Protein backbone atom coordinates (compact mmCIF):
# COMPACT_ATOMS: atom_id res chain seq x y z
CA MET A 1 -91.81 42.70 95.32
CA LEU A 2 -89.84 39.14 94.30
CA ASP A 3 -86.86 39.72 91.37
CA VAL A 4 -86.88 36.29 89.33
CA ARG A 5 -84.41 36.06 87.12
CA GLU A 6 -84.17 33.00 84.29
CA LEU A 7 -80.78 31.72 84.08
CA SER A 8 -79.03 29.66 80.78
CA LEU A 9 -81.08 26.72 81.69
CA PRO A 10 -84.78 27.04 81.44
CA GLY A 11 -87.03 26.36 84.64
CA VAL A 12 -83.43 27.10 86.82
CA LEU A 13 -84.36 30.47 88.49
CA GLU A 14 -82.34 32.95 90.45
CA ILE A 15 -85.11 34.51 92.93
CA ARG A 16 -84.26 37.58 94.98
CA ALA A 17 -86.88 38.38 97.78
CA PRO A 18 -86.30 41.86 99.44
CA ARG A 19 -84.59 42.52 102.53
CA HIS A 20 -85.94 44.70 105.31
CA GLY A 21 -82.79 45.85 107.48
CA ASP A 22 -81.84 48.39 110.08
CA ALA A 23 -79.18 48.68 112.81
CA ARG A 24 -80.63 45.78 113.71
CA GLY A 25 -80.03 43.28 110.99
CA PHE A 26 -82.40 42.46 108.69
CA PHE A 27 -85.64 40.36 107.80
CA GLN A 28 -86.40 38.54 104.68
CA GLU A 29 -89.27 36.57 103.78
CA THR A 30 -88.15 33.52 101.98
CA TRP A 31 -91.00 31.84 100.77
CA ASN A 32 -94.53 32.71 100.43
CA LYS A 33 -96.88 30.30 98.60
CA GLU A 34 -99.35 32.73 97.66
CA LEU A 35 -96.84 35.44 96.46
CA TRP A 36 -94.46 32.71 94.64
CA ALA A 37 -97.89 31.79 92.99
CA ALA A 38 -98.51 35.03 91.47
CA SER A 39 -94.95 35.10 89.96
CA GLY A 40 -95.64 32.55 88.01
CA ILE A 41 -94.27 29.46 90.43
CA PRO A 42 -96.67 27.50 92.30
CA LEU A 43 -94.84 24.86 93.70
CA ASP A 44 -96.33 22.84 96.95
CA PHE A 45 -93.13 22.32 99.21
CA VAL A 46 -93.36 19.25 101.30
CA GLN A 47 -89.93 19.14 103.37
CA ASP A 48 -87.38 21.37 104.34
CA ASN A 49 -83.76 20.26 104.62
CA HIS A 50 -80.29 21.64 106.40
CA SER A 51 -76.93 20.73 105.54
CA TYR A 52 -73.84 22.04 107.68
CA SER A 53 -70.37 21.73 106.11
CA ALA A 54 -67.41 22.75 108.11
CA ALA A 55 -64.66 22.89 105.61
CA LYS A 56 -63.99 24.88 102.23
CA GLY A 57 -64.27 22.36 99.16
CA VAL A 58 -67.20 19.67 100.74
CA LEU A 59 -69.27 18.83 97.84
CA ARG A 60 -72.38 17.50 97.88
CA GLY A 61 -73.95 16.20 94.64
CA LEU A 62 -75.04 15.86 92.22
CA HIS A 63 -77.92 14.10 92.83
CA TYR A 64 -81.40 14.04 91.58
CA GLN A 65 -84.63 11.47 92.47
CA LEU A 66 -86.69 9.48 89.99
CA PRO A 67 -90.22 10.06 89.30
CA PRO A 68 -92.53 9.34 90.70
CA ALA A 69 -90.14 10.77 93.69
CA ALA A 70 -88.49 13.38 91.13
CA GLN A 71 -88.09 17.07 93.55
CA ASP A 72 -88.34 20.88 92.51
CA LYS A 73 -85.46 22.09 94.99
CA LEU A 74 -85.57 25.85 96.28
CA VAL A 75 -81.73 26.09 97.99
CA ARG A 76 -79.93 29.14 99.50
CA ALA A 77 -77.07 29.56 101.78
CA THR A 78 -77.96 30.75 105.04
CA ARG A 79 -74.33 30.67 106.32
CA GLY A 80 -70.94 31.28 104.13
CA SER A 81 -71.41 30.75 100.48
CA ILE A 82 -71.70 27.74 98.11
CA PHE A 83 -70.73 27.55 94.38
CA ASP A 84 -74.50 25.64 93.30
CA VAL A 85 -74.90 23.85 90.25
CA ALA A 86 -77.72 22.41 88.19
CA VAL A 87 -77.25 19.73 85.39
CA ASP A 88 -80.23 18.96 83.13
CA ILE A 89 -80.80 15.58 82.54
CA ARG A 90 -83.96 15.66 80.79
CA ARG A 91 -83.21 13.17 78.02
CA GLY A 92 -84.71 14.97 74.45
CA SER A 93 -84.40 18.12 76.01
CA PRO A 94 -82.49 20.61 73.77
CA THR A 95 -80.34 21.44 77.04
CA PHE A 96 -79.69 17.89 78.04
CA GLY A 97 -76.37 17.67 79.86
CA ARG A 98 -75.69 21.15 79.89
CA TRP A 99 -75.12 22.74 83.58
CA LEU A 100 -75.06 26.15 85.13
CA GLY A 101 -73.10 26.84 88.25
CA LEU A 102 -74.54 30.03 90.35
CA VAL A 103 -72.92 31.57 93.59
CA LEU A 104 -75.34 31.63 96.32
CA SER A 105 -74.33 33.17 99.88
CA ALA A 106 -75.99 34.24 103.01
CA GLU A 107 -74.54 38.12 102.39
CA LEU A 108 -76.43 38.30 99.32
CA GLY A 109 -79.31 36.03 100.36
CA ASN A 110 -80.44 34.71 96.35
CA GLN A 111 -81.75 31.43 96.08
CA ILE A 112 -81.89 29.20 93.06
CA LEU A 113 -84.79 27.10 92.01
CA VAL A 114 -84.10 23.91 90.42
CA PRO A 115 -87.18 21.72 89.22
CA ARG A 116 -87.24 18.33 88.72
CA GLY A 117 -85.61 16.97 85.68
CA PHE A 118 -82.01 18.07 86.67
CA ALA A 119 -79.44 16.93 89.03
CA HIS A 120 -78.35 19.30 91.58
CA GLY A 121 -75.39 19.96 93.28
CA PHE A 122 -73.11 22.47 95.52
CA VAL A 123 -69.61 22.85 96.49
CA THR A 124 -68.99 24.93 99.28
CA LEU A 125 -66.57 27.85 99.35
CA GLU A 126 -66.08 29.25 102.45
CA GLU A 127 -66.01 27.30 106.34
CA HIS A 128 -68.97 26.82 108.12
CA SER A 129 -71.11 27.06 105.36
CA GLU A 130 -74.90 26.11 105.88
CA VAL A 131 -77.47 25.43 103.31
CA GLN A 132 -81.21 25.32 103.81
CA TYR A 133 -83.81 23.61 100.90
CA LYS A 134 -87.41 23.18 100.25
CA VAL A 135 -88.59 19.93 98.21
CA THR A 136 -91.87 19.22 97.03
CA ALA A 137 -91.18 15.34 97.10
CA PRO A 138 -90.03 13.53 100.23
CA TYR A 139 -86.60 12.04 99.96
CA ARG A 140 -87.20 8.63 99.21
CA PRO A 141 -83.66 6.64 98.85
CA ASP A 142 -85.06 3.98 96.54
CA LEU A 143 -85.56 6.88 93.83
CA GLU A 144 -82.07 8.56 94.99
CA ARG A 145 -79.69 8.90 92.14
CA ALA A 146 -76.04 10.37 91.88
CA ILE A 147 -73.84 11.32 89.00
CA GLN A 148 -69.97 11.86 88.98
CA PHE A 149 -69.51 15.32 90.04
CA ASP A 150 -66.51 15.53 87.77
CA ASP A 151 -67.72 13.51 85.18
CA PRO A 152 -65.22 15.41 81.82
CA SER A 153 -68.49 14.99 79.58
CA LEU A 154 -70.58 17.48 81.72
CA GLY A 155 -67.29 19.50 81.87
CA ILE A 156 -68.17 21.79 85.14
CA ALA A 157 -65.87 24.41 86.38
CA TRP A 158 -65.73 23.47 90.03
CA PRO A 159 -64.28 26.61 91.88
CA VAL A 160 -61.86 24.44 93.99
CA ALA A 161 -58.99 22.35 93.40
CA ASP A 162 -59.58 18.47 93.13
CA GLY A 163 -57.25 18.31 95.53
CA GLN A 164 -60.03 20.49 97.80
CA VAL A 165 -62.51 18.46 97.32
CA GLN A 166 -63.99 16.33 100.10
CA LEU A 167 -67.03 14.10 99.14
CA SER A 168 -69.00 11.21 101.11
CA GLY A 169 -68.41 7.80 100.02
CA LYS A 170 -71.76 7.28 98.15
CA ASP A 171 -70.47 10.72 95.46
CA ARG A 172 -67.27 9.40 95.59
CA GLU A 173 -68.80 6.35 94.05
CA ALA A 174 -71.69 7.69 91.45
CA PRO A 175 -71.69 6.75 87.98
CA SER A 176 -70.70 8.52 85.37
CA PHE A 177 -73.06 10.44 83.21
CA ALA A 178 -73.46 8.23 80.43
CA ASP A 179 -74.21 5.36 82.53
CA ALA A 180 -76.77 6.92 84.83
CA ALA A 181 -78.33 8.51 81.26
CA SER A 182 -78.77 5.11 80.04
CA SER A 183 -79.95 3.56 83.34
CA GLY A 184 -83.32 5.23 84.13
CA ILE A 185 -83.24 9.08 83.61
CA ASP A 186 -86.29 9.25 81.85
CA TRP A 187 -88.25 12.59 82.54
CA ALA A 188 -90.59 12.15 79.23
């Protein structure tokens, strides 16, 4: 049976699937379309992604795709740990511009479901962290967007010092939340 917990932003869920372990290790079913639909999560995933980060402090995000390629994401750490962040970018939502963070780790085996209409990012908390995630729409570079990870108007409390953060050039150049919101975030 899935353990599904709604987090502080509507639609963002922490999910824990049972682990069955013995002296050899464990087995965990991390996705089962039928079981998840019966638990109120009827999604069709179309792409799996896997990222590896060698260092602690690698920050990826905040990313999203515009409709019609907006993505629901099911994210988990399969090695090490991350601080995962979702930001509500649905204009007109009562929680527009609010964020939440959740530690995901291979040890905990927890996952986060980040629905479309949210920007997503994470920072590695350990060296050699790996993240795997499923998405409900394929990657579309023409519809991909980003928001500045350290935008003061969002006030995200990333658990790493600014000097320890490693970013891609694209993420370093991401627009502010206000600029992104004025140039095409429309989820109505």
